[in-house]
N, C-alpha and C. Protein backbone atom coordinates (compact mmCIF):
# COMPACT_ATOMS: atom_id res chain seq x y z
N MET A 1 13.92 -32.67 129.99
CA MET A 1 14.59 -33.84 130.67
C MET A 1 14.92 -34.91 129.62
N PRO A 2 16.18 -35.38 129.63
CA PRO A 2 16.51 -36.44 128.65
C PRO A 2 15.60 -37.74 128.83
N HIS A 3 15.43 -38.40 127.72
CA HIS A 3 14.64 -39.63 127.70
C HIS A 3 15.39 -40.85 128.34
N ILE A 4 16.65 -40.71 128.46
CA ILE A 4 17.47 -41.83 129.05
C ILE A 4 18.31 -41.15 130.15
N THR A 5 18.78 -41.96 131.10
CA THR A 5 19.66 -41.48 132.10
C THR A 5 21.06 -41.12 131.57
N ILE A 6 21.50 -39.98 131.79
CA ILE A 6 22.87 -39.50 131.38
C ILE A 6 23.64 -39.22 132.65
N VAL A 7 24.42 -40.15 133.03
CA VAL A 7 25.17 -40.08 134.31
C VAL A 7 26.14 -38.89 134.35
N SER A 8 26.85 -38.64 133.20
CA SER A 8 27.86 -37.67 133.15
C SER A 8 27.36 -36.26 133.46
N ASP A 9 26.10 -35.91 133.21
CA ASP A 9 25.57 -34.60 133.39
C ASP A 9 26.08 -33.56 132.35
N LEU A 10 26.71 -34.14 131.21
CA LEU A 10 27.20 -33.20 130.20
C LEU A 10 26.06 -32.91 129.20
N PRO A 11 25.97 -31.83 128.65
CA PRO A 11 24.93 -31.48 127.72
C PRO A 11 25.10 -32.19 126.31
N GLY A 12 23.95 -32.26 125.58
CA GLY A 12 23.96 -32.68 124.20
C GLY A 12 24.65 -33.97 123.90
N ILE A 13 25.30 -34.07 122.82
CA ILE A 13 25.86 -35.31 122.46
C ILE A 13 27.11 -35.71 123.29
N ARG A 14 27.67 -34.68 123.97
CA ARG A 14 28.79 -34.99 124.96
C ARG A 14 28.35 -35.97 126.02
N GLY A 15 27.15 -35.71 126.64
CA GLY A 15 26.65 -36.60 127.61
C GLY A 15 26.44 -37.97 127.12
N LEU A 16 25.77 -38.06 125.95
CA LEU A 16 25.55 -39.36 125.29
C LEU A 16 26.91 -40.20 125.12
N MET A 17 27.92 -39.44 124.59
CA MET A 17 29.13 -40.02 124.24
C MET A 17 29.92 -40.41 125.48
N SER A 18 29.83 -39.61 126.55
CA SER A 18 30.51 -39.89 127.77
C SER A 18 29.97 -41.17 128.38
N ASP A 19 28.68 -41.40 128.32
CA ASP A 19 28.00 -42.49 128.89
C ASP A 19 28.00 -43.72 128.00
N HIS A 20 28.27 -43.57 126.71
CA HIS A 20 28.30 -44.68 125.73
C HIS A 20 29.55 -44.65 124.93
N PRO A 21 30.69 -44.95 125.58
CA PRO A 21 31.93 -44.83 124.77
C PRO A 21 32.08 -45.75 123.62
N ASP A 22 31.32 -46.88 123.65
CA ASP A 22 31.38 -47.84 122.54
C ASP A 22 30.76 -47.20 121.23
N SER A 23 29.86 -46.39 121.34
CA SER A 23 29.31 -45.70 120.14
C SER A 23 30.06 -44.41 119.99
N ALA A 24 30.58 -43.78 120.99
CA ALA A 24 31.26 -42.50 120.85
C ALA A 24 32.46 -42.56 120.00
N ALA A 25 33.22 -43.60 120.12
CA ALA A 25 34.56 -43.64 119.39
C ALA A 25 34.32 -43.66 117.84
N PRO A 26 33.37 -44.48 117.33
CA PRO A 26 33.17 -44.35 115.83
C PRO A 26 32.44 -43.11 115.47
N LEU A 27 31.58 -42.57 116.22
CA LEU A 27 30.86 -41.33 115.90
C LEU A 27 31.86 -40.19 115.86
N ASN A 28 32.71 -40.11 116.79
CA ASN A 28 33.77 -39.04 116.81
C ASN A 28 34.77 -39.24 115.65
N ALA A 29 35.07 -40.44 115.36
CA ALA A 29 35.98 -40.73 114.23
C ALA A 29 35.36 -40.20 112.90
N VAL A 30 34.05 -40.52 112.74
CA VAL A 30 33.40 -40.02 111.55
C VAL A 30 33.40 -38.58 111.51
N ALA A 31 33.01 -37.88 112.58
CA ALA A 31 33.04 -36.40 112.65
C ALA A 31 34.39 -35.86 112.36
N ASP A 32 35.47 -36.47 112.93
CA ASP A 32 36.78 -35.98 112.69
C ASP A 32 37.20 -36.07 111.24
N THR A 33 36.85 -37.20 110.60
CA THR A 33 37.13 -37.41 109.22
C THR A 33 36.41 -36.49 108.39
N LEU A 34 35.11 -36.26 108.59
CA LEU A 34 34.30 -35.43 107.73
C LEU A 34 34.63 -33.91 107.89
N LEU A 35 34.97 -33.54 109.16
CA LEU A 35 35.08 -32.08 109.39
C LEU A 35 36.54 -31.58 109.50
N ARG A 36 37.48 -32.55 109.58
CA ARG A 36 38.83 -32.18 109.81
C ARG A 36 39.85 -32.87 108.86
N GLY A 37 39.41 -33.98 108.23
CA GLY A 37 40.25 -34.73 107.36
C GLY A 37 40.41 -34.13 106.09
N PRO A 38 41.11 -34.74 105.03
CA PRO A 38 41.36 -34.20 103.75
C PRO A 38 40.07 -33.95 103.02
N SER A 39 39.94 -32.75 102.36
CA SER A 39 38.80 -32.38 101.63
C SER A 39 39.11 -31.14 100.78
N PRO A 40 38.43 -30.99 99.66
CA PRO A 40 38.63 -29.69 98.96
C PRO A 40 38.02 -28.53 99.65
N LEU A 41 37.25 -28.78 100.73
CA LEU A 41 36.65 -27.71 101.49
C LEU A 41 37.42 -27.48 102.79
N PRO A 42 37.74 -26.21 103.08
CA PRO A 42 38.42 -25.95 104.31
C PRO A 42 37.49 -26.39 105.49
N SER A 43 38.11 -26.69 106.64
CA SER A 43 37.44 -27.16 107.82
C SER A 43 36.25 -26.23 108.26
N GLY A 44 36.59 -24.91 108.24
CA GLY A 44 35.60 -23.98 108.67
C GLY A 44 34.32 -24.05 107.79
N GLU A 45 34.49 -24.26 106.54
CA GLU A 45 33.26 -24.38 105.63
C GLU A 45 32.56 -25.67 105.88
N ARG A 46 33.24 -26.72 106.18
CA ARG A 46 32.57 -27.97 106.51
C ARG A 46 31.82 -27.79 107.82
N GLU A 47 32.33 -27.11 108.85
CA GLU A 47 31.67 -26.84 110.03
C GLU A 47 30.41 -26.07 109.77
N LEU A 48 30.45 -25.08 108.85
CA LEU A 48 29.35 -24.27 108.41
C LEU A 48 28.23 -25.11 107.84
N ILE A 49 28.65 -26.03 107.05
CA ILE A 49 27.64 -27.01 106.53
C ILE A 49 26.93 -27.79 107.67
N ALA A 50 27.70 -28.17 108.62
CA ALA A 50 27.19 -28.93 109.77
C ALA A 50 26.23 -28.04 110.57
N THR A 51 26.65 -26.81 110.78
CA THR A 51 25.73 -25.97 111.57
C THR A 51 24.48 -25.58 110.76
N TYR A 52 24.62 -25.38 109.55
CA TYR A 52 23.40 -25.05 108.70
C TYR A 52 22.41 -26.23 108.73
N VAL A 53 22.91 -27.42 108.49
CA VAL A 53 21.95 -28.55 108.53
C VAL A 53 21.36 -28.64 109.93
N SER A 54 22.20 -28.47 111.01
CA SER A 54 21.68 -28.63 112.32
C SER A 54 20.64 -27.52 112.61
N GLU A 55 20.90 -26.34 112.06
CA GLU A 55 19.87 -25.32 112.24
C GLU A 55 18.55 -25.69 111.51
N LEU A 56 18.71 -26.16 110.30
CA LEU A 56 17.47 -26.56 109.59
C LEU A 56 16.72 -27.66 110.35
N ASN A 57 17.47 -28.51 110.99
CA ASN A 57 16.88 -29.57 111.88
C ASN A 57 16.43 -29.09 113.25
N ARG A 58 16.63 -27.87 113.52
CA ARG A 58 16.28 -27.23 114.87
C ARG A 58 16.99 -27.97 116.03
N THR A 59 18.23 -28.30 115.77
CA THR A 59 18.97 -28.96 116.89
C THR A 59 19.96 -27.93 117.44
N ARG A 60 19.50 -27.26 118.44
CA ARG A 60 20.20 -26.07 119.01
C ARG A 60 21.69 -26.43 119.38
N PHE A 61 21.75 -27.55 120.10
CA PHE A 61 23.12 -27.87 120.66
C PHE A 61 24.08 -28.07 119.49
N CYS A 62 23.77 -28.83 118.45
CA CYS A 62 24.63 -29.07 117.33
C CYS A 62 24.83 -27.81 116.51
N SER A 63 23.74 -27.06 116.27
CA SER A 63 23.92 -25.81 115.51
C SER A 63 24.85 -24.80 116.18
N ASP A 64 24.65 -24.63 117.49
CA ASP A 64 25.50 -23.68 118.15
C ASP A 64 26.94 -24.19 118.39
N THR A 65 27.12 -25.44 118.62
CA THR A 65 28.42 -25.98 118.82
C THR A 65 29.28 -25.90 117.48
N HIS A 66 28.70 -26.40 116.42
CA HIS A 66 29.37 -26.35 115.11
C HIS A 66 29.48 -24.92 114.59
N GLY A 67 28.46 -24.13 114.92
CA GLY A 67 28.60 -22.72 114.57
C GLY A 67 29.80 -22.00 115.18
N ALA A 68 29.97 -22.36 116.49
CA ALA A 68 31.17 -21.76 117.20
C ALA A 68 32.50 -22.30 116.61
N ALA A 69 32.51 -23.56 116.21
CA ALA A 69 33.72 -24.07 115.53
C ALA A 69 33.90 -23.43 114.16
N ALA A 70 32.87 -23.20 113.38
CA ALA A 70 32.95 -22.51 112.10
C ALA A 70 33.39 -21.10 112.35
N ALA A 71 32.79 -20.37 113.29
CA ALA A 71 33.13 -18.96 113.60
C ALA A 71 34.56 -18.78 113.94
N ALA A 72 35.17 -19.78 114.65
CA ALA A 72 36.52 -19.67 115.07
C ALA A 72 37.54 -19.89 113.87
N GLN A 73 37.00 -20.39 112.79
CA GLN A 73 37.82 -20.63 111.57
C GLN A 73 37.62 -19.85 110.30
N LEU A 74 36.51 -19.12 110.28
CA LEU A 74 36.08 -18.39 109.10
C LEU A 74 36.20 -16.83 109.23
N ASP A 75 36.62 -16.20 108.15
CA ASP A 75 36.53 -14.76 108.15
C ASP A 75 35.01 -14.42 108.31
N GLY A 76 34.71 -13.46 109.06
CA GLY A 76 33.36 -13.10 109.32
C GLY A 76 32.86 -13.71 110.62
N GLY A 77 33.56 -14.72 111.20
CA GLY A 77 33.25 -15.21 112.49
C GLY A 77 31.78 -15.48 112.81
N ALA A 78 31.41 -15.17 114.00
CA ALA A 78 30.04 -15.42 114.51
C ALA A 78 29.01 -14.68 113.66
N ASP A 79 29.32 -13.50 113.12
CA ASP A 79 28.31 -12.77 112.37
C ASP A 79 27.97 -13.54 111.11
N LEU A 80 29.02 -14.09 110.42
CA LEU A 80 28.75 -14.91 109.27
C LEU A 80 27.90 -16.12 109.57
N VAL A 81 28.22 -16.82 110.61
CA VAL A 81 27.50 -18.00 111.03
C VAL A 81 25.98 -17.67 111.32
N LYS A 82 25.79 -16.57 112.08
CA LYS A 82 24.36 -16.18 112.30
C LYS A 82 23.71 -15.84 110.99
N ALA A 83 24.37 -15.13 110.05
CA ALA A 83 23.76 -14.83 108.82
C ALA A 83 23.34 -16.05 108.04
N VAL A 84 24.20 -17.07 108.01
CA VAL A 84 23.88 -18.28 107.26
C VAL A 84 22.75 -19.08 108.07
N GLN A 85 22.70 -19.07 109.34
CA GLN A 85 21.66 -19.68 110.09
C GLN A 85 20.31 -19.02 109.84
N HIS A 86 20.41 -17.69 109.63
CA HIS A 86 19.19 -16.96 109.45
C HIS A 86 18.71 -17.04 108.01
N ASP A 87 19.57 -16.79 107.01
CA ASP A 87 19.14 -16.71 105.63
C ASP A 87 20.36 -16.95 104.70
N VAL A 88 20.61 -18.21 104.27
CA VAL A 88 21.77 -18.47 103.52
C VAL A 88 21.85 -17.69 102.20
N ASP A 89 20.71 -17.30 101.58
CA ASP A 89 20.69 -16.52 100.41
C ASP A 89 21.22 -15.07 100.56
N SER A 90 21.11 -14.53 101.71
CA SER A 90 21.59 -13.13 101.93
C SER A 90 22.96 -13.06 102.68
N ALA A 91 23.49 -14.21 103.10
CA ALA A 91 24.73 -14.23 103.78
C ALA A 91 25.87 -13.93 102.79
N SER A 92 26.92 -13.37 103.35
CA SER A 92 28.11 -13.01 102.52
C SER A 92 28.97 -14.27 102.34
N LEU A 93 28.68 -15.03 101.28
CA LEU A 93 29.34 -16.22 100.96
C LEU A 93 29.91 -16.28 99.54
N SER A 94 30.83 -17.09 99.32
CA SER A 94 31.23 -17.34 97.93
C SER A 94 30.10 -18.04 97.22
N PRO A 95 29.91 -17.79 95.88
CA PRO A 95 28.88 -18.46 95.18
C PRO A 95 28.98 -20.03 95.29
N LEU A 96 30.18 -20.60 95.30
CA LEU A 96 30.35 -21.97 95.45
C LEU A 96 29.85 -22.46 96.81
N LEU A 97 30.23 -21.78 97.88
CA LEU A 97 29.79 -22.26 99.25
C LEU A 97 28.20 -22.16 99.31
N ARG A 98 27.64 -21.10 98.79
CA ARG A 98 26.23 -20.89 98.87
C ARG A 98 25.52 -22.08 98.03
N ALA A 99 26.05 -22.40 96.85
CA ALA A 99 25.54 -23.54 96.12
C ALA A 99 25.67 -24.84 96.87
N LEU A 100 26.76 -25.06 97.59
CA LEU A 100 26.86 -26.38 98.37
C LEU A 100 25.93 -26.31 99.53
N LEU A 101 25.67 -25.19 100.18
CA LEU A 101 24.68 -25.07 101.22
C LEU A 101 23.26 -25.41 100.72
N TRP A 102 22.95 -24.96 99.53
CA TRP A 102 21.66 -25.30 98.90
C TRP A 102 21.55 -26.85 98.76
N ILE A 103 22.66 -27.50 98.41
CA ILE A 103 22.63 -28.96 98.25
C ILE A 103 22.47 -29.54 99.62
N ALA A 104 23.13 -29.06 100.68
CA ALA A 104 23.03 -29.55 102.00
C ALA A 104 21.53 -29.39 102.47
N ALA A 105 20.95 -28.35 102.08
CA ALA A 105 19.46 -28.17 102.47
C ALA A 105 18.57 -29.25 101.80
N GLU A 106 18.92 -29.54 100.58
CA GLU A 106 18.11 -30.57 99.89
C GLU A 106 18.32 -31.93 100.55
N VAL A 107 19.53 -32.30 100.94
CA VAL A 107 19.84 -33.51 101.67
C VAL A 107 19.07 -33.54 102.95
N GLN A 108 19.10 -32.41 103.74
CA GLN A 108 18.37 -32.37 105.00
C GLN A 108 16.85 -32.56 104.85
N ALA A 109 16.35 -32.09 103.71
CA ALA A 109 14.89 -32.07 103.51
C ALA A 109 14.29 -33.47 103.25
N GLN A 110 15.09 -34.25 102.44
CA GLN A 110 14.55 -35.59 102.07
C GLN A 110 15.65 -36.54 101.63
N ALA A 111 15.45 -37.82 101.84
CA ALA A 111 16.42 -38.82 101.37
C ALA A 111 16.04 -39.17 99.95
N ALA A 112 16.47 -38.36 99.07
CA ALA A 112 16.24 -38.43 97.63
C ALA A 112 17.33 -37.89 96.88
N PRO A 113 17.49 -38.20 95.58
CA PRO A 113 18.65 -37.55 94.82
C PRO A 113 18.53 -36.06 94.96
N VAL A 114 19.64 -35.47 95.06
CA VAL A 114 19.76 -33.96 95.06
C VAL A 114 19.27 -33.60 93.59
N SER A 115 18.59 -32.52 93.45
CA SER A 115 18.11 -32.08 92.18
C SER A 115 19.23 -31.83 91.22
N ASP A 116 18.95 -32.08 89.96
CA ASP A 116 19.89 -31.75 88.88
C ASP A 116 20.17 -30.28 88.92
N GLU A 117 19.27 -29.48 89.19
CA GLU A 117 19.45 -28.02 89.12
C GLU A 117 20.48 -27.58 90.25
N ALA A 118 20.38 -28.17 91.42
CA ALA A 118 21.32 -27.79 92.46
C ALA A 118 22.64 -28.27 92.11
N ILE A 119 22.84 -29.49 91.57
CA ILE A 119 24.15 -30.03 91.10
C ILE A 119 24.69 -29.06 90.02
N ALA A 120 23.89 -28.73 89.07
CA ALA A 120 24.34 -27.88 87.94
C ALA A 120 24.71 -26.55 88.48
N ALA A 121 24.00 -25.96 89.43
CA ALA A 121 24.42 -24.65 89.98
C ALA A 121 25.76 -24.78 90.72
N ALA A 122 25.98 -25.78 91.48
CA ALA A 122 27.23 -25.97 92.16
C ALA A 122 28.36 -26.13 91.17
N ARG A 123 28.17 -27.02 90.16
CA ARG A 123 29.12 -27.23 89.13
C ARG A 123 29.49 -25.92 88.38
N ALA A 124 28.47 -25.15 88.19
CA ALA A 124 28.76 -23.83 87.46
C ALA A 124 29.71 -22.96 88.29
N GLU A 125 29.67 -23.10 89.65
CA GLU A 125 30.49 -22.35 90.58
C GLU A 125 31.84 -23.02 90.85
N GLY A 126 32.07 -24.12 90.14
CA GLY A 126 33.41 -24.79 90.35
C GLY A 126 33.39 -26.04 91.21
N ALA A 127 32.27 -26.53 91.65
CA ALA A 127 32.23 -27.74 92.47
C ALA A 127 32.79 -28.89 91.73
N THR A 128 33.58 -29.65 92.47
CA THR A 128 34.17 -30.91 91.95
C THR A 128 33.33 -32.13 92.54
N ASP A 129 33.66 -33.25 92.04
CA ASP A 129 33.04 -34.43 92.76
C ASP A 129 33.41 -34.47 94.19
N GLY A 130 34.59 -34.04 94.56
CA GLY A 130 34.96 -34.01 95.98
C GLY A 130 34.10 -33.02 96.74
N HIS A 131 33.86 -31.86 96.26
CA HIS A 131 32.96 -30.95 96.98
C HIS A 131 31.56 -31.53 97.10
N LEU A 132 31.00 -32.13 96.03
CA LEU A 132 29.69 -32.67 96.13
C LEU A 132 29.63 -33.87 97.09
N HIS A 133 30.54 -34.78 96.93
CA HIS A 133 30.62 -35.93 97.96
C HIS A 133 30.68 -35.47 99.30
N ASP A 134 31.59 -34.51 99.69
CA ASP A 134 31.80 -34.17 101.07
C ASP A 134 30.51 -33.46 101.58
N THR A 135 29.95 -32.55 100.82
CA THR A 135 28.77 -31.87 101.17
C THR A 135 27.63 -32.73 101.49
N VAL A 136 27.40 -33.70 100.63
CA VAL A 136 26.23 -34.59 100.80
C VAL A 136 26.51 -35.50 102.06
N LEU A 137 27.72 -35.99 102.24
CA LEU A 137 28.02 -36.83 103.39
C LEU A 137 27.96 -36.08 104.70
N ILE A 138 28.43 -34.84 104.75
CA ILE A 138 28.40 -34.03 105.95
C ILE A 138 26.86 -33.83 106.28
N ALA A 139 26.13 -33.39 105.29
CA ALA A 139 24.70 -33.12 105.56
C ALA A 139 23.98 -34.39 105.98
N ALA A 140 24.24 -35.48 105.38
CA ALA A 140 23.53 -36.76 105.76
C ALA A 140 23.97 -37.16 107.20
N ALA A 141 25.25 -37.07 107.47
CA ALA A 141 25.77 -37.42 108.85
C ALA A 141 25.21 -36.52 109.92
N PHE A 142 25.02 -35.20 109.59
CA PHE A 142 24.48 -34.30 110.59
C PHE A 142 22.98 -34.48 110.80
N CYS A 143 22.28 -35.04 109.80
CA CYS A 143 20.89 -35.42 110.09
C CYS A 143 20.86 -36.49 111.17
N MET A 144 21.77 -37.42 111.01
CA MET A 144 21.85 -38.58 111.95
C MET A 144 22.31 -38.02 113.40
N TYR A 145 23.38 -37.25 113.44
CA TYR A 145 23.88 -36.70 114.71
C TYR A 145 22.71 -35.86 115.32
N ASN A 146 22.04 -35.06 114.53
CA ASN A 146 20.98 -34.19 115.10
C ASN A 146 19.93 -35.03 115.74
N ARG A 147 19.57 -36.11 115.08
CA ARG A 147 18.36 -36.95 115.55
C ARG A 147 18.86 -37.68 116.79
N TYR A 148 20.11 -38.06 116.88
CA TYR A 148 20.62 -38.73 118.14
C TYR A 148 20.47 -37.74 119.35
N VAL A 149 20.87 -36.52 119.08
CA VAL A 149 20.85 -35.49 120.19
C VAL A 149 19.35 -35.09 120.55
N SER A 150 18.60 -34.82 119.46
CA SER A 150 17.21 -34.30 119.70
C SER A 150 16.28 -35.37 120.15
N CYS A 151 16.29 -36.47 119.53
CA CYS A 151 15.33 -37.52 119.81
C CYS A 151 15.49 -38.17 121.21
N LEU A 152 16.65 -37.99 121.84
CA LEU A 152 16.77 -38.42 123.15
C LEU A 152 16.58 -37.27 124.18
N ALA A 153 16.21 -36.05 123.66
CA ALA A 153 15.93 -34.90 124.45
C ALA A 153 17.05 -34.53 125.37
N THR A 154 18.30 -34.54 124.85
CA THR A 154 19.47 -34.15 125.74
C THR A 154 19.35 -32.67 126.12
N ALA A 155 20.05 -32.39 127.21
CA ALA A 155 19.98 -31.11 127.78
C ALA A 155 20.89 -30.15 127.01
N LEU A 156 20.49 -28.89 127.07
CA LEU A 156 21.30 -27.80 126.58
C LEU A 156 22.27 -27.27 127.66
N PRO A 157 23.40 -26.78 127.30
CA PRO A 157 24.30 -26.28 128.39
C PRO A 157 23.68 -25.11 129.18
N ALA A 158 24.01 -25.09 130.38
CA ALA A 158 23.53 -24.01 131.23
C ALA A 158 24.49 -22.88 131.41
N GLU A 159 25.82 -23.15 131.23
CA GLU A 159 26.78 -22.09 131.55
C GLU A 159 26.95 -21.21 130.33
N PRO A 160 27.13 -19.92 130.55
CA PRO A 160 27.42 -18.96 129.46
C PRO A 160 28.84 -19.26 128.95
N GLY A 161 28.92 -19.06 127.63
CA GLY A 161 30.21 -19.28 127.02
C GLY A 161 30.48 -20.72 126.67
N TYR A 162 29.56 -21.63 126.94
CA TYR A 162 29.84 -23.01 126.62
C TYR A 162 30.15 -23.21 125.14
N TYR A 163 29.40 -22.61 124.28
CA TYR A 163 29.61 -22.98 122.85
C TYR A 163 30.84 -22.45 122.32
N GLU A 164 31.30 -21.21 122.82
CA GLU A 164 32.54 -20.70 122.36
C GLU A 164 33.73 -21.56 122.77
N GLU A 165 33.60 -22.11 124.04
CA GLU A 165 34.65 -23.03 124.47
C GLU A 165 34.63 -24.31 123.72
N ALA A 166 33.44 -24.79 123.37
CA ALA A 166 33.32 -26.00 122.52
C ALA A 166 33.96 -25.73 121.23
N GLY A 167 33.74 -24.56 120.55
CA GLY A 167 34.32 -24.29 119.33
C GLY A 167 35.89 -24.25 119.36
N ARG A 168 36.38 -23.65 120.41
CA ARG A 168 37.85 -23.69 120.67
C ARG A 168 38.43 -25.10 120.84
N ARG A 169 37.72 -25.89 121.67
CA ARG A 169 38.17 -27.29 121.84
C ARG A 169 38.18 -28.14 120.59
N ILE A 170 37.08 -27.95 119.86
CA ILE A 170 37.02 -28.69 118.53
C ILE A 170 38.12 -28.22 117.63
N THR A 171 38.26 -26.90 117.48
CA THR A 171 39.33 -26.38 116.53
C THR A 171 40.72 -26.77 116.92
N THR A 172 40.91 -26.94 118.22
CA THR A 172 42.25 -27.23 118.71
C THR A 172 42.48 -28.76 118.71
N HIS A 173 41.52 -29.52 119.21
CA HIS A 173 41.83 -30.97 119.42
C HIS A 173 41.03 -31.88 118.48
N GLY A 174 40.04 -31.36 117.80
CA GLY A 174 39.23 -32.22 116.90
C GLY A 174 38.13 -32.97 117.68
N TYR A 175 37.64 -34.03 117.09
CA TYR A 175 36.61 -34.74 117.68
C TYR A 175 37.00 -36.00 118.39
N ALA A 176 38.13 -36.56 118.08
CA ALA A 176 38.56 -37.73 118.79
C ALA A 176 38.71 -37.60 120.30
N ARG A 177 38.96 -36.31 120.66
CA ARG A 177 39.10 -36.08 122.12
C ARG A 177 38.02 -35.04 122.54
N ALA A 178 36.91 -34.93 121.85
CA ALA A 178 36.00 -33.85 122.10
C ALA A 178 35.11 -34.05 123.36
N VAL A 179 35.03 -35.35 123.91
CA VAL A 179 34.20 -35.58 125.06
C VAL A 179 35.02 -35.20 126.27
């Protein structure tokens, strides 16, 4: 049961945003910028970073929602997303994306500089300043989004197919109209 009253009866962050439009607008704008705006990373890979961090944070709603959005945009679909959620080291990824996910894991683990080794590994695979910036910012933002959803004990969706529909909605409309 959620720790606060959510009038809209929507699950996860959608309920919080529906009931609190004053905070929803900037939060959705940040998500839209990070996951759909200009970046050296394709949107599907950015969604994969979001789902991976959410999985590490054990935030089922965010992990499955962003996993569905990633699956809708990446070759390998849901199987690739599940593989990354289970074990990033054995998932079928480009060496660059794997190195960026390692960086995201470091960001999720602690608020400290990413290790020189992780940065060097990503640079060796072709990471630019843009790749590093976007990866760190997405990972940091999703730590915040995950805590917003988890710490208020929001509900998980009850209906089958919710996450696939959410992935389609996000892929089609983005986050500005995601509520």
